[in-house]
Each structure stands twice: as structure tokens, then as C-alpha cells.
Protein backbone atom coordinates (compact mmCIF):
# COMPACT_ATOMS: atom_id res chain seq x y z
CA UNK A 1 1.85 -263.65 0.78
CA UNK A 2 3.37 -266.42 -1.37
CA UNK A 3 2.89 -270.10 -0.57
CA UNK A 4 6.33 -270.53 1.00
CA UNK A 5 5.79 -267.54 3.31
CA UNK A 6 2.36 -268.84 4.36
CA UNK A 7 3.88 -272.26 5.06
CA UNK A 8 6.64 -270.81 7.24
CA UNK A 9 4.16 -268.61 9.12
CA UNK A 10 1.87 -271.57 9.78
CA UNK A 11 4.84 -273.67 10.88
CA UNK A 12 5.85 -270.97 13.37
CA UNK A 13 2.29 -270.82 14.72
CA UNK A 14 2.18 -274.60 15.08
CA UNK A 15 5.48 -274.54 16.97
CA UNK A 16 4.27 -271.75 19.23
CA UNK A 17 1.00 -273.56 19.92
CA UNK A 18 2.90 -276.79 20.56
CA UNK A 19 5.23 -275.03 22.99
CA UNK A 20 2.26 -273.52 24.82
CA UNK A 21 0.54 -276.90 25.07
CA UNK A 22 3.77 -278.50 26.28
CA UNK A 23 4.21 -275.80 28.95
CA UNK A 24 0.63 -276.23 30.10
CA UNK A 25 1.06 -280.00 30.20
CA UNK A 26 4.24 -279.77 32.27
CA UNK A 27 2.53 -277.31 34.60
CA UNK A 28 -0.45 -279.62 35.07
CA UNK A 29 1.82 -282.62 35.58
CA UNK A 30 3.79 -280.75 38.23
CA UNK A 31 0.57 -279.92 40.03
CA UNK A 32 -0.58 -283.51 39.67
CA UNK A 33 2.66 -284.73 41.26
CA UNK A 34 1.92 -282.45 44.19
CA UNK A 35 -1.58 -283.86 44.39
CA UNK A 36 -3.22 -280.46 43.94
CA UNK A 37 -5.30 -281.34 40.86
CA UNK A 38 -6.31 -284.92 41.51
CA UNK A 39 -9.90 -284.31 40.43
CA UNK A 40 -11.07 -286.22 43.49
CA UNK A 41 -12.84 -285.01 46.61
CA UNK A 42 -11.37 -285.56 50.08
CA UNK A 43 -11.92 -289.14 51.23
CA UNK A 44 -12.50 -290.52 47.74
CA UNK A 45 -10.64 -293.69 46.70
CA UNK A 46 -9.42 -294.22 43.15
CA UNK A 47 -8.41 -297.80 42.40
CA UNK A 48 -5.56 -298.27 39.96
CA UNK A 49 -3.02 -300.77 38.64
CA UNK A 50 0.10 -301.09 40.76
CA UNK A 51 2.76 -298.75 39.36
CA UNK A 52 5.75 -301.02 39.99
CA UNK A 53 6.20 -303.58 37.21
CA UNK A 54 8.46 -305.75 39.38
CA UNK A 55 5.42 -307.50 40.76
CA UNK A 56 3.94 -308.51 37.41
CA UNK A 57 5.34 -312.04 37.61
CA UNK A 58 4.88 -312.54 41.36
CA UNK A 59 2.51 -315.39 42.25
CA UNK A 60 0.75 -313.20 44.83
CA UNK A 61 0.14 -310.31 42.41
CA UNK A 62 -3.58 -311.09 42.30
CA UNK A 63 -3.85 -310.39 46.04
CA UNK A 64 -2.74 -306.76 45.57
CA UNK A 65 -5.42 -304.09 45.31
CA UNK A 66 -3.73 -300.72 44.81
CA UNK A 67 -5.40 -297.36 45.19
CA UNK A 68 -5.09 -293.67 45.96
CA UNK A 69 -6.96 -291.90 48.74
CA UNK A 70 -7.47 -288.17 48.36
CA UNK A 71 -6.42 -286.44 51.58
CA UNK A 72 -6.43 -282.77 52.57
CA UNK A 73 -3.03 -281.11 52.54
CA UNK A 74 -4.05 -279.48 55.83
CA UNK A 75 -6.85 -280.93 57.97
CA UNK A 76 -7.52 -277.47 59.33
CA UNK A 77 -8.43 -276.43 55.78
CA UNK A 78 -10.23 -279.48 54.35
CA UNK A 79 -11.56 -277.51 51.39
CA UNK A 80 -8.07 -276.47 50.27
CA UNK A 81 -5.34 -278.34 48.43
CA UNK A 82 -5.28 -282.12 48.37
CA UNK A 83 -2.65 -284.86 48.11
CA UNK A 84 -2.88 -288.47 46.99
CA UNK A 85 -2.09 -291.21 49.49
CA UNK A 86 -0.93 -294.46 47.84
CA UNK A 87 -2.02 -297.63 49.62
CA UNK A 88 -2.45 -301.36 49.10
CA UNK A 89 -5.01 -303.80 50.41
CA UNK A 90 -3.12 -307.10 50.48
CA UNK A 91 -5.66 -309.92 50.65
CA UNK A 92 -5.03 -312.79 53.05
CA UNK A 93 -3.54 -315.98 51.67
CA UNK A 94 -6.31 -318.02 53.29
CA UNK A 95 -9.87 -317.27 52.22
CA UNK A 96 -12.26 -316.29 53.55
CA UNK A 97 -10.18 -313.84 55.57
CA UNK A 98 -10.98 -312.82 59.12
CA UNK A 99 -13.05 -309.65 59.26
CA UNK A 100 -10.48 -307.50 61.09
CA UNK A 101 -7.39 -306.68 58.99
CA UNK A 102 -4.01 -305.49 60.24
CA UNK A 103 -3.15 -301.86 59.57
CA UNK A 104 0.65 -301.59 59.21
CA UNK A 105 2.49 -298.59 60.69
CA UNK A 106 5.90 -298.59 59.03
CA UNK A 107 8.98 -297.64 61.03
CA UNK A 108 11.60 -295.08 60.08
CA UNK A 109 11.23 -291.33 59.79
CA UNK A 110 10.00 -291.35 56.20
CA UNK A 111 10.45 -294.83 54.74
CA UNK A 112 7.77 -295.97 52.26
CA UNK A 113 5.87 -299.14 53.14
CA UNK A 114 4.94 -300.33 49.66
CA UNK A 115 8.54 -301.12 48.75
CA UNK A 116 8.29 -303.95 51.32
CA UNK A 117 5.27 -305.64 49.74
CA UNK A 118 7.17 -308.82 48.93
CA UNK A 119 8.01 -309.22 52.64
CA UNK A 120 4.48 -308.60 53.88
CA UNK A 121 2.85 -310.81 51.22
CA UNK A 122 4.68 -313.85 52.59
CA UNK A 123 4.70 -313.06 56.31
CA UNK A 124 2.64 -314.85 58.94
CA UNK A 125 0.69 -311.61 59.41
CA UNK A 126 -0.93 -312.07 56.00
CA UNK A 127 -2.00 -315.68 56.49
CA UNK A 128 -5.63 -315.18 57.48
CA UNK A 129 -5.99 -311.39 57.66
CA UNK A 130 -5.84 -308.70 55.01
CA UNK A 131 -3.00 -306.23 55.45
CA UNK A 132 -3.35 -302.51 54.79
CA UNK A 133 -0.11 -300.74 53.87
CA UNK A 134 0.48 -297.19 52.69
CA UNK A 135 3.18 -294.76 51.71
CA UNK A 136 2.88 -291.75 54.01
CA UNK A 137 2.28 -288.36 52.41
CA UNK A 138 5.49 -287.16 50.83
CA UNK A 139 7.02 -290.62 50.40
CA UNK A 140 7.05 -293.43 47.86
CA UNK A 141 4.06 -293.31 45.51
CA UNK A 142 2.21 -290.73 47.60
CA UNK A 143 2.32 -287.02 46.87
CA UNK A 144 3.72 -284.45 47.18
CA UNK A 145 7.15 -285.11 45.69
CA UNK A 146 9.75 -283.27 47.77
CA UNK A 147 13.52 -282.96 47.34
CA UNK A 148 14.02 -286.33 45.59
CA UNK A 149 17.76 -285.66 45.37
CA UNK A 150 18.27 -285.27 49.14
CA UNK A 151 19.38 -288.85 49.88
CA UNK A 152 22.09 -288.70 47.21
CA UNK A 153 23.25 -285.33 48.50
CA UNK A 154 23.61 -286.73 52.02
CA UNK A 155 25.59 -289.75 50.79
CA UNK A 156 27.89 -287.57 48.69
CA UNK A 157 28.58 -285.37 51.71
CA UNK A 158 29.35 -288.44 53.83
CA UNK A 159 31.98 -289.59 51.33
CA UNK A 160 33.92 -286.32 51.56
CA UNK A 161 36.89 -285.98 53.88
CA UNK A 162 35.20 -283.57 56.28
CA UNK A 163 35.46 -283.10 60.04
CA UNK A 164 32.19 -283.92 61.77
CA UNK A 165 31.25 -280.31 62.51
CA UNK A 166 32.00 -279.27 58.92
CA UNK A 167 29.93 -282.17 57.59
CA UNK A 168 26.95 -281.03 59.64
CA UNK A 169 27.34 -277.49 58.31
CA UNK A 170 27.20 -278.86 54.76
CA UNK A 171 24.10 -280.92 55.59
CA UNK A 172 22.42 -277.95 57.25
CA UNK A 173 22.73 -276.01 53.99
CA UNK A 174 21.24 -278.96 52.09
CA UNK A 175 18.34 -279.28 54.53
CA UNK A 176 17.64 -275.55 54.53
CA UNK A 177 17.67 -275.51 50.72
CA UNK A 178 15.24 -278.44 50.68
CA UNK A 179 12.85 -276.73 53.11
CA UNK A 180 13.11 -273.47 51.12
CA UNK A 181 12.15 -275.43 48.01
CA UNK A 182 9.23 -277.04 49.82
CA UNK A 183 7.86 -273.77 51.13
CA UNK A 184 8.33 -272.09 47.74
CA UNK A 185 6.09 -274.81 46.27
CA UNK A 186 3.36 -273.81 48.74
CA UNK A 187 3.81 -276.89 50.95
CA UNK A 188 3.39 -276.42 54.70
CA UNK A 189 6.22 -278.33 56.50
CA UNK A 190 4.12 -278.48 59.68
CA UNK A 191 1.70 -280.92 58.03
CA UNK A 192 4.03 -283.93 57.89
CA UNK A 193 4.31 -284.93 61.55
CA UNK A 194 2.92 -288.08 63.14
CA UNK A 195 -0.24 -286.22 64.15
CA UNK A 196 -1.13 -285.53 60.50
CA UNK A 197 0.03 -288.95 59.32
CA UNK A 198 -2.26 -290.61 61.87
CA UNK A 199 -5.20 -288.55 60.58
CA UNK A 200 -4.43 -289.78 57.05
CA UNK A 201 -4.53 -293.36 58.31
CA UNK A 202 -7.78 -292.80 60.20
CA UNK A 203 -9.38 -291.42 57.05
CA UNK A 204 -8.17 -294.43 55.07
CA UNK A 205 -9.49 -296.86 57.71
CA UNK A 206 -12.88 -295.11 57.64
CA UNK A 207 -13.16 -295.28 53.87
CA UNK A 208 -12.12 -298.95 53.64
CA UNK A 209 -14.94 -299.61 56.10
CA UNK A 210 -13.82 -302.78 57.87
CA UNK A 211 -15.74 -303.44 61.11
CA UNK A 212 -12.54 -303.24 63.23
CA UNK A 213 -8.77 -303.03 62.87
CA UNK A 214 -5.67 -304.50 64.46
CA UNK A 215 -2.78 -302.04 64.57
CA UNK A 216 0.83 -303.16 64.20
CA UNK A 217 3.81 -300.81 64.34
CA UNK A 218 7.55 -301.26 64.67
CA UNK A 219 9.96 -298.57 65.85
CA UNK A 220 8.78 -295.09 64.84
CA UNK A 221 5.55 -296.61 63.56
CA UNK A 222 4.57 -297.03 67.21
CA UNK A 223 4.59 -293.24 67.62
CA UNK A 224 2.03 -292.92 64.82
CA UNK A 225 -0.04 -295.71 66.41
CA UNK A 226 -0.25 -293.68 69.62
CA UNK A 227 -1.49 -290.63 67.72
CA UNK A 228 -3.93 -292.86 65.80
CA UNK A 229 -5.36 -294.33 69.00
CA UNK A 230 -5.78 -290.90 70.57
CA UNK A 231 -7.75 -289.56 67.58
CA UNK A 232 -9.38 -292.65 66.12
CA UNK A 233 -13.01 -292.74 65.05
CA UNK A 234 -12.80 -296.38 63.96
CA UNK A 235 -13.01 -299.47 66.14
CA UNK A 236 -9.62 -300.81 67.23
CA UNK A 237 -9.62 -304.50 68.13
CA UNK A 238 -5.97 -304.63 69.25
CA UNK A 239 -2.58 -302.92 69.03
CA UNK A 240 0.87 -304.47 68.75
CA UNK A 241 3.73 -302.08 69.53
CA UNK A 242 7.21 -303.43 68.84
CA UNK A 243 10.42 -301.50 69.72
CA UNK A 244 8.70 -298.44 71.04
CA UNK A 245 9.04 -294.68 70.45
CA UNK A 246 6.55 -293.26 72.98
CA UNK A 247 5.10 -289.77 72.76
CA UNK A 248 7.17 -287.60 75.10
CA UNK A 249 10.18 -289.94 75.05
CA UNK A 250 13.44 -288.13 74.07
CA UNK A 251 14.88 -290.91 71.93
CA UNK A 252 16.97 -288.37 69.95
CA UNK A 253 18.86 -287.30 73.04
CA UNK A 254 19.36 -290.87 74.25
CA UNK A 255 20.89 -292.29 71.08
CA UNK A 256 24.46 -292.06 72.36
CA UNK A 257 23.79 -293.69 75.73
CA UNK A 258 21.58 -296.38 74.18
CA UNK A 259 24.32 -297.20 71.66
CA UNK A 260 26.86 -297.38 74.48
CA UNK A 261 24.58 -299.65 76.51
CA UNK A 262 24.13 -302.07 73.59
CA UNK A 263 27.88 -302.12 72.91
CA UNK A 264 28.51 -302.88 76.57
CA UNK A 265 26.14 -305.85 76.34
CA UNK A 266 27.98 -307.08 73.25
CA UNK A 267 31.41 -306.68 74.89
CA UNK A 268 30.18 -308.62 77.92
CA UNK A 269 28.84 -311.40 75.69
CA UNK A 270 32.17 -311.60 73.87
CA UNK A 271 34.12 -311.68 77.13
CA UNK A 272 31.92 -314.49 78.44
CA UNK A 273 32.55 -316.56 75.33
CA UNK A 274 35.99 -318.26 75.43
CA UNK A 275 36.44 -318.26 71.63
CA UNK A 276 35.53 -314.59 71.28
CA UNK A 277 37.64 -313.53 74.26
CA UNK A 278 40.67 -315.39 72.83
CA UNK A 279 40.41 -313.92 69.34
CA UNK A 280 39.36 -310.41 70.35
CA UNK A 281 40.89 -309.59 73.74
CA UNK A 282 40.36 -306.08 75.11
CA UNK A 283 37.87 -305.38 72.34
CA UNK A 284 36.39 -302.29 74.00
CA UNK A 285 39.75 -300.57 74.58
CA UNK A 286 41.02 -301.41 71.09
CA UNK A 287 37.88 -300.11 69.42
CA UNK A 288 37.99 -296.83 71.38
CA UNK A 289 41.66 -296.37 70.46
CA UNK A 290 40.78 -296.98 66.82
CA UNK A 291 38.03 -294.35 66.95
CA UNK A 292 40.51 -291.85 68.37
CA UNK A 293 42.90 -292.63 65.53
CA UNK A 294 40.14 -291.91 63.01
CA UNK A 295 39.87 -288.34 64.28
CA UNK A 296 43.06 -287.50 62.40
CA UNK A 297 43.22 -290.36 59.91
CA UNK A 298 39.78 -291.41 58.60
CA UNK A 299 39.28 -294.64 56.69
CA UNK A 300 39.98 -294.12 53.00
CA UNK A 301 37.98 -296.32 50.62
CA UNK A 302 38.48 -296.63 46.86
CA UNK A 303 35.13 -296.14 45.14
CA UNK A 304 36.15 -296.58 41.51
CA UNK A 305 36.80 -294.12 38.66
CA UNK A 306 39.72 -292.79 40.67
CA UNK A 307 37.40 -291.57 43.44
CA UNK A 308 37.68 -292.18 47.15
CA UNK A 309 35.27 -292.10 50.09
CA UNK A 310 36.16 -291.37 53.69
CA UNK A 311 34.69 -292.75 56.90
CA UNK A 312 35.07 -290.77 60.11
CA UNK A 313 34.78 -292.07 63.66
CA UNK A 314 31.13 -290.92 63.76
CA UNK A 315 30.35 -292.74 60.52
CA UNK A 316 32.06 -295.96 61.66
CA UNK A 317 30.01 -295.80 64.87
CA UNK A 318 26.88 -295.35 62.77
CA UNK A 319 27.69 -298.56 60.87
CA UNK A 320 28.20 -300.55 64.09
CA UNK A 321 25.05 -298.97 65.51
CA UNK A 322 23.02 -300.22 62.55
CA UNK A 323 24.47 -303.73 62.88
CA UNK A 324 23.29 -303.82 66.51
CA UNK A 325 19.69 -303.59 65.27
CA UNK A 326 19.78 -307.24 64.19
CA UNK A 327 20.91 -310.00 66.56
CA UNK A 328 21.98 -312.26 63.69
CA UNK A 329 24.89 -309.85 63.12
CA UNK A 330 26.17 -309.88 66.71
CA UNK A 331 28.58 -312.76 66.18
CA UNK A 332 30.21 -310.90 63.31
CA UNK A 333 30.61 -307.44 64.85
CA UNK A 334 33.94 -308.17 66.65
CA UNK A 335 35.31 -309.61 63.40
CA UNK A 336 34.13 -306.58 61.44
CA UNK A 337 35.64 -304.20 63.99
CA UNK A 338 38.97 -305.98 63.56
CA UNK A 339 38.79 -305.70 59.76
CA UNK A 340 38.10 -301.97 60.00
CA UNK A 341 40.98 -301.54 62.45
CA UNK A 342 43.23 -303.22 59.87
CA UNK A 343 41.76 -300.92 57.17
CA UNK A 344 40.93 -303.85 54.92
CA UNK A 345 39.92 -302.26 51.62
CA UNK A 346 37.64 -305.03 50.31
CA UNK A 347 35.64 -305.03 53.55
CA UNK A 348 35.32 -301.24 53.55
CA UNK A 349 34.16 -301.26 49.94
CA UNK A 350 31.48 -303.81 50.74
CA UNK A 351 30.34 -301.66 53.66
CA UNK A 352 29.92 -298.64 51.39
CA UNK A 353 28.03 -300.72 48.84
CA UNK A 354 25.45 -301.42 51.54
CA UNK A 355 25.62 -297.94 53.02
CA UNK A 356 24.65 -296.01 49.89
CA UNK A 357 21.18 -297.57 49.34
CA UNK A 358 20.48 -297.33 53.09
CA UNK A 359 21.23 -293.60 53.07
CA UNK A 360 19.21 -293.09 49.88
CA UNK A 361 16.30 -294.92 51.50
CA UNK A 362 16.29 -293.19 54.86
CA UNK A 363 17.27 -289.58 54.24
CA UNK A 364 14.41 -287.66 52.68
CA UNK A 365 12.34 -284.53 53.19
CA UNK A 366 9.58 -286.37 55.05
CA UNK A 367 12.07 -287.82 57.53
CA UNK A 368 13.68 -284.43 58.09
CA UNK A 369 10.39 -282.66 58.79
CA UNK A 370 8.96 -285.46 60.95
CA UNK A 371 12.10 -285.68 63.07
CA UNK A 372 12.21 -281.97 63.86
CA UNK A 373 8.45 -281.36 64.15
CA UNK A 374 7.54 -284.35 66.34
CA UNK A 375 10.29 -283.65 68.88
CA UNK A 376 10.31 -279.85 68.86
CA UNK A 377 8.88 -279.52 72.37
CA UNK A 378 11.68 -281.75 73.72
CA UNK A 379 14.46 -279.76 72.10
CA UNK A 380 15.97 -278.25 75.29
CA UNK A 381 15.78 -281.42 77.39
CA UNK A 382 17.18 -283.45 74.48
CA UNK A 383 20.21 -281.16 74.25
CA UNK A 384 20.88 -281.62 77.96
CA UNK A 385 20.60 -285.40 77.72
CA UNK A 386 22.95 -285.45 74.77
CA UNK A 387 25.61 -283.39 76.54
CA UNK A 388 25.44 -285.67 79.57
CA UNK A 389 25.80 -288.72 77.30
CA UNK A 390 28.89 -287.27 75.60
CA UNK A 391 30.55 -286.95 79.00
CA UNK A 392 29.76 -290.59 79.83
CA UNK A 393 30.41 -292.17 76.41
CA UNK A 394 33.37 -290.23 75.08
CA UNK A 395 34.39 -291.41 71.61
CA UNK A 396 31.04 -293.04 70.72
CA UNK A 397 29.47 -290.08 68.96
CA UNK A 398 27.30 -291.33 66.07
CA UNK A 399 26.54 -289.76 62.73
CA UNK A 400 22.83 -289.03 62.70
CA UNK A 401 22.13 -286.74 59.79
CA UNK A 402 19.06 -285.07 61.30
CA UNK A 403 20.10 -284.71 64.93
CA UNK A 404 22.53 -281.73 64.77
CA UNK A 405 20.00 -279.89 62.59
CA UNK A 406 17.22 -280.63 65.08
CA UNK A 407 19.29 -279.36 68.01
CA UNK A 408 19.79 -275.91 66.48
CA UNK A 409 16.51 -275.57 64.57
CA UNK A 410 14.54 -272.34 64.94
CA UNK A 411 12.44 -272.77 61.83
CA UNK A 412 9.81 -275.11 63.26
CA UNK A 413 7.74 -273.13 65.74
CA UNK A 414 4.81 -275.52 65.90
CA UNK A 415 4.83 -279.10 67.12
CA UNK A 416 2.66 -282.09 67.85
CA UNK A 417 1.13 -282.90 71.22
CA UNK A 418 3.75 -284.55 73.43
CA UNK A 419 1.45 -285.63 76.26
CA UNK A 420 0.89 -289.39 76.72
CA UNK A 421 -2.68 -290.59 77.16
CA UNK A 422 -4.47 -293.56 78.68
CA UNK A 423 -5.98 -296.36 76.59
CA UNK A 424 -7.83 -299.60 77.33
CA UNK A 425 -7.27 -301.14 73.87
CA UNK A 426 -5.96 -304.72 74.31
CA UNK A 427 -2.29 -304.35 73.46
CA UNK A 428 0.95 -306.25 73.14
CA UNK A 429 4.15 -304.32 73.97
CA UNK A 430 7.47 -305.83 72.86
CA UNK A 431 11.12 -304.90 73.37
CA UNK A 432 14.55 -306.35 72.60
CA UNK A 433 17.21 -306.35 75.31
CA UNK A 434 20.04 -305.29 72.96
CA UNK A 435 18.01 -302.70 71.03
CA UNK A 436 20.37 -299.72 70.42
CA UNK A 437 17.70 -297.19 69.42
CA UNK A 438 14.43 -298.07 71.24
CA UNK A 439 15.64 -299.81 74.41
CA UNK A 440 13.42 -301.57 76.96
CA UNK A 441 13.37 -298.35 79.03
CA UNK A 442 11.23 -296.74 76.33
CA UNK A 443 8.63 -299.49 76.65
CA UNK A 444 8.74 -299.16 80.45
CA UNK A 445 7.92 -295.46 80.00
CA UNK A 446 4.96 -296.37 77.78
CA UNK A 447 3.37 -299.21 79.75
CA UNK A 448 1.58 -297.20 82.51
CA UNK A 449 -0.66 -295.66 79.84
CA UNK A 450 -2.01 -299.06 78.72
CA UNK A 451 -4.53 -300.45 81.17
CA UNK A 452 -4.89 -303.78 79.34
CA UNK A 453 -1.60 -304.98 77.91
CA UNK A 454 0.99 -307.79 77.92
CA UNK A 455 4.69 -307.01 77.92
CA UNK A 456 7.60 -309.16 76.73
CA UNK A 457 11.30 -308.35 76.70
CA UNK A 458 13.41 -310.63 74.50
CA UNK A 459 16.88 -311.45 75.85
CA UNK A 460 19.70 -311.08 73.36
CA UNK A 461 17.44 -309.59 70.67
CA UNK A 462 17.85 -306.23 68.98
CA UNK A 463 15.43 -303.96 67.14
CA UNK A 464 12.20 -305.37 65.73
CA UNK A 465 10.97 -308.39 67.69
CA UNK A 466 8.30 -309.17 65.08
CA UNK A 467 11.00 -310.74 62.88
CA UNK A 468 12.13 -313.16 65.60
CA UNK A 469 10.64 -316.67 65.68
CA UNK A 470 9.48 -316.25 69.28
CA UNK A 471 8.06 -312.82 68.50
CA UNK A 472 6.01 -314.35 65.69
CA UNK A 473 4.61 -317.04 67.99
CA UNK A 474 3.61 -314.54 70.68
CA UNK A 475 2.02 -312.15 68.18
CA UNK A 476 0.05 -314.95 66.51
CA UNK A 477 -1.27 -316.20 69.84
CA UNK A 478 -2.25 -312.70 70.95
CA UNK A 479 -4.05 -311.93 67.68
CA UNK A 480 -6.07 -315.13 67.94
CA UNK A 481 -7.48 -314.63 71.43
CA UNK A 482 -6.37 -311.21 72.77
CA UNK A 483 -5.26 -313.05 75.90
CA UNK A 484 -1.92 -313.52 77.64
CA UNK A 485 0.28 -315.31 75.05
CA UNK A 486 3.05 -316.23 77.51
CA UNK A 487 1.88 -319.83 77.44
CA UNK A 488 3.75 -320.25 74.17
CA UNK A 489 6.86 -320.73 76.31
CA UNK A 490 9.34 -319.79 73.59
CA UNK A 491 11.05 -317.19 75.80
CA UNK A 492 11.83 -319.85 78.37
CA UNK A 493 13.41 -322.01 75.67
CA UNK A 494 15.88 -319.34 74.55
CA UNK A 495 19.48 -320.50 74.32
CA UNK A 496 20.82 -317.08 75.26
CA UNK A 497 24.46 -317.84 74.46
CA UNK A 498 23.57 -318.84 70.91
CA UNK A 499 21.36 -315.81 70.45
CA UNK A 500 23.78 -313.32 71.95
CA UNK A 501 26.89 -314.62 70.30
CA UNK A 502 27.61 -317.21 67.65
CA UNK A 503 30.21 -319.84 68.41
CA UNK A 504 31.58 -319.99 64.87
CA UNK A 505 33.42 -316.68 64.98
CA UNK A 506 35.42 -316.08 61.85
CA UNK A 507 39.18 -315.64 62.11
């Protein structure tokens, strides 16, 4: 064989070997992203640098200690596959810190916690206690990676000019394809409910080895707290449950009636305010007529590049529903309704600019599986509640991307325990009067199961009391002494008119 032939043969062998190495590397990386080849045993912590470079220049960067906890993919098979749970220990601003940190239970179906580090690093909660935050399995920096394109697919479907039923058919195909992909990768969709997530958090709490923990959850995080308390092997000093989603509470089926109730409160506040009543007379009737108009003529919004998006009545209701979460928006909702009724293009474009990242953030495989799995046992009663609500609140149907799928699901045959339990952990239970998704009735359902608790309902406040100044005062007082914090008196000092409705309504 001449020299040129030998050279070409060797070159081919090198290329073949390189291709084999590349294939093996990609294979190993894919397994690593699933958490199946972490090289760590269950319960082992691996400390690491924080993967997000945004925080490199933050003054509180030195207080971040980032790590991965190796968790079993299935607690019934602890010797099987493993995942990596990303978490942060955020040291208190004041040193030395108190010995009992706060374990944060993030709200939302599948929203990562670590993307909110900049908020938690500067909150009152982090003043003299360490905070423990994590991305639940299947979200954020935790493995496994599942259907990363799902949020974009949901948003793209929303922008199409589709009747509501057709839209849900399109989304069902997307969700089924996602779950097919998950199962084909050997991932068990029944291991992503609140029961499993709480076990992950218990394992993390055990391995961090603090003498006791305070638990704080908002919205759906309260559901995971309840599972955590039922199973916990660590000492719990206190629990703070804000805007509650109790075990056994059919919040899916109540969404329509809770939205209608919050809107009624807003309409009443507007009617009681002379300026609002003058500028927006008959607001309820006009909004309902507008929604009926959208059934045949949806809002058309120019997106750029010659493309258009369309907003149906259900999608407009979803936007108003989200605004009702935060009381600082209440004074602007009548104005915004009027702009939508006038089909003001610049306002609609701004709405979509905020809608896209929200959809990308909140629609994911973890949220889909958690929503269906956790509420599977309530499926029949939820359907009945929903039908009754449609009869009472005609025209207020809301787009909720998971709900129609949940109602007709036959794929999930297993579900978490839906039986409430008793606890004597000192607890603080909080609710906002206007809350359109976790109303005070949900907290009333929960309270009998807490033998030692303090309850506060905040007039004129929406979802997430922890962000309100009075909520902060009450929480701080409770954490200090675990006694009745009502002596703070901030609830009695509420100026309800200012909170419920701003005077400076825009024309």
C-alpha cells in the first residue's frame, strides 16, 4: 500500500473513531441530563458553582451556595435510576444566622424557584435566617429535562385564530406527544406529583442537617407543604401557608366561580367609587357584551413580520384573571377593559409582550403531570363543579391550558393521597379577600386540620399575601415568637378604599 493510500485509510479510521467517540459522548450527555449517570449515590450532595452567570456581579453572590442532591427517580425503587435536584442555600444577610432556616415551597404547577433568587436574596425572609430554595425535579436546573419546547408550542397555539374547543384539541395533541416522549425516555410520569416532590424536599432537609426548619409556601407550594408535613422525618418549627391549595380541595373545578366572585368584588368597588362609576358605567354588562362579541370576532393583534395573533374571549378572561392576582393592578383593570373593548392595537401588543414569557414560564411537562396526577381522584366531582359554574357564570370561561386535558384524561391511573390530616405544628394561615384562584374558602376548608394556628384574611388583597406590607409584618412577628401576631395592628389600619381601588383612574 503506497503512502497516500495508507494516509487516506488512517484518516478514515480517525474519522470513524472520532464519530464513535462523539456518539458515545452525546449518549452520555443525554443520560447525564436525565440524571441517570450522576456518579453519586442517593442522598449525596455535590457542591458546584452557580450555573447562571447573571449573578456574577451581584453584591449578594457570596451568600449563594449552590449544589445538587442525588434523588431516586422512584422512591419505591431507591436502587434504580437517579436524578439531580438543584438547590441553593442562601445565607442570611445578618450573621450569625438563626439556627432554623426557611424552606421555600414555590407556587405554580412547575415553576422553578432558583430563577427568583434576586427576589429572595433581598426579602425580609432572608434577613436573619438562611433560605433553602430548589428547582423541583423536571424543572429549571434539576433533571430530567422534559419537553423543553412545550411552552413555546402552547403560546404559538394561543396566537392562532382557533375556536376554544379546537384550541384544546391542538393542545391535547401537544400534551400527548410530550407524555409519549417522556415515557419513551423511560421516565415514569407518576413520579412528579406533590407526594414525590415533598419526599425530595424531606431528603434535602435531612442532608442539610439543620436542627429544625420553618416552612413557607405560597399558592400551590402549600399543597407540597401539606405532603411534607404528613411525611416529614425532620423537625418542623413552624409553617406559613399563604393563598392555600389544600389536599382534597377541587380548585380546578372552582376556577370559574372564583374568577366570577373576584370580578364581582371589583365591579362593586368600582361602583362605590364616584370617579370609577362615572368613567366606567355599567362595566359588568359592557364587558360581558364584549366577550360575546369576541366569540365571532376575536381581537387581532399585529405581531410583526406580517404576522398576527388572535385573542379569544377565553384568553381575554385569562388576562383579566391574572391581573386580579395582584391588588396593585385593580385600579387599572376597568381602564384596560375599556382599551380592549376599543381594540387598541398598542395596548394589545403590550399585553402579548407580557403574555409570551408568562406562558413560556408556566406551561411545562412538570406542570402538566402535577396538575393531572395530584387531582386525579377529584376528576368526577371537579367536572360537576365546573358544569355548575358555567351555568352561573356564562361568558366567563377562562383559558386554562391544562384543565380541559385533565377533565378527559384516562392516561393517569394512579394518584396521590387526597385525604387531609391533622397537625399540631404552629402555623400561620393567610388569605386574600379578592384572590381569584385560592379564595378564602380554601383556607376555611384547611383550618380544621391545624390544631395550633393563626388565621388572617386581608381585605382588598389578591393572591400572595407575603408580598403585602401587612403580610410581611405579621409573618415577621409570627416567626420571632410563634405567638399570635395580631398585635401588629396593620389589618386594622387598612384604608380599604385605597387598597381596593385607586383614585387616580386613567382616562
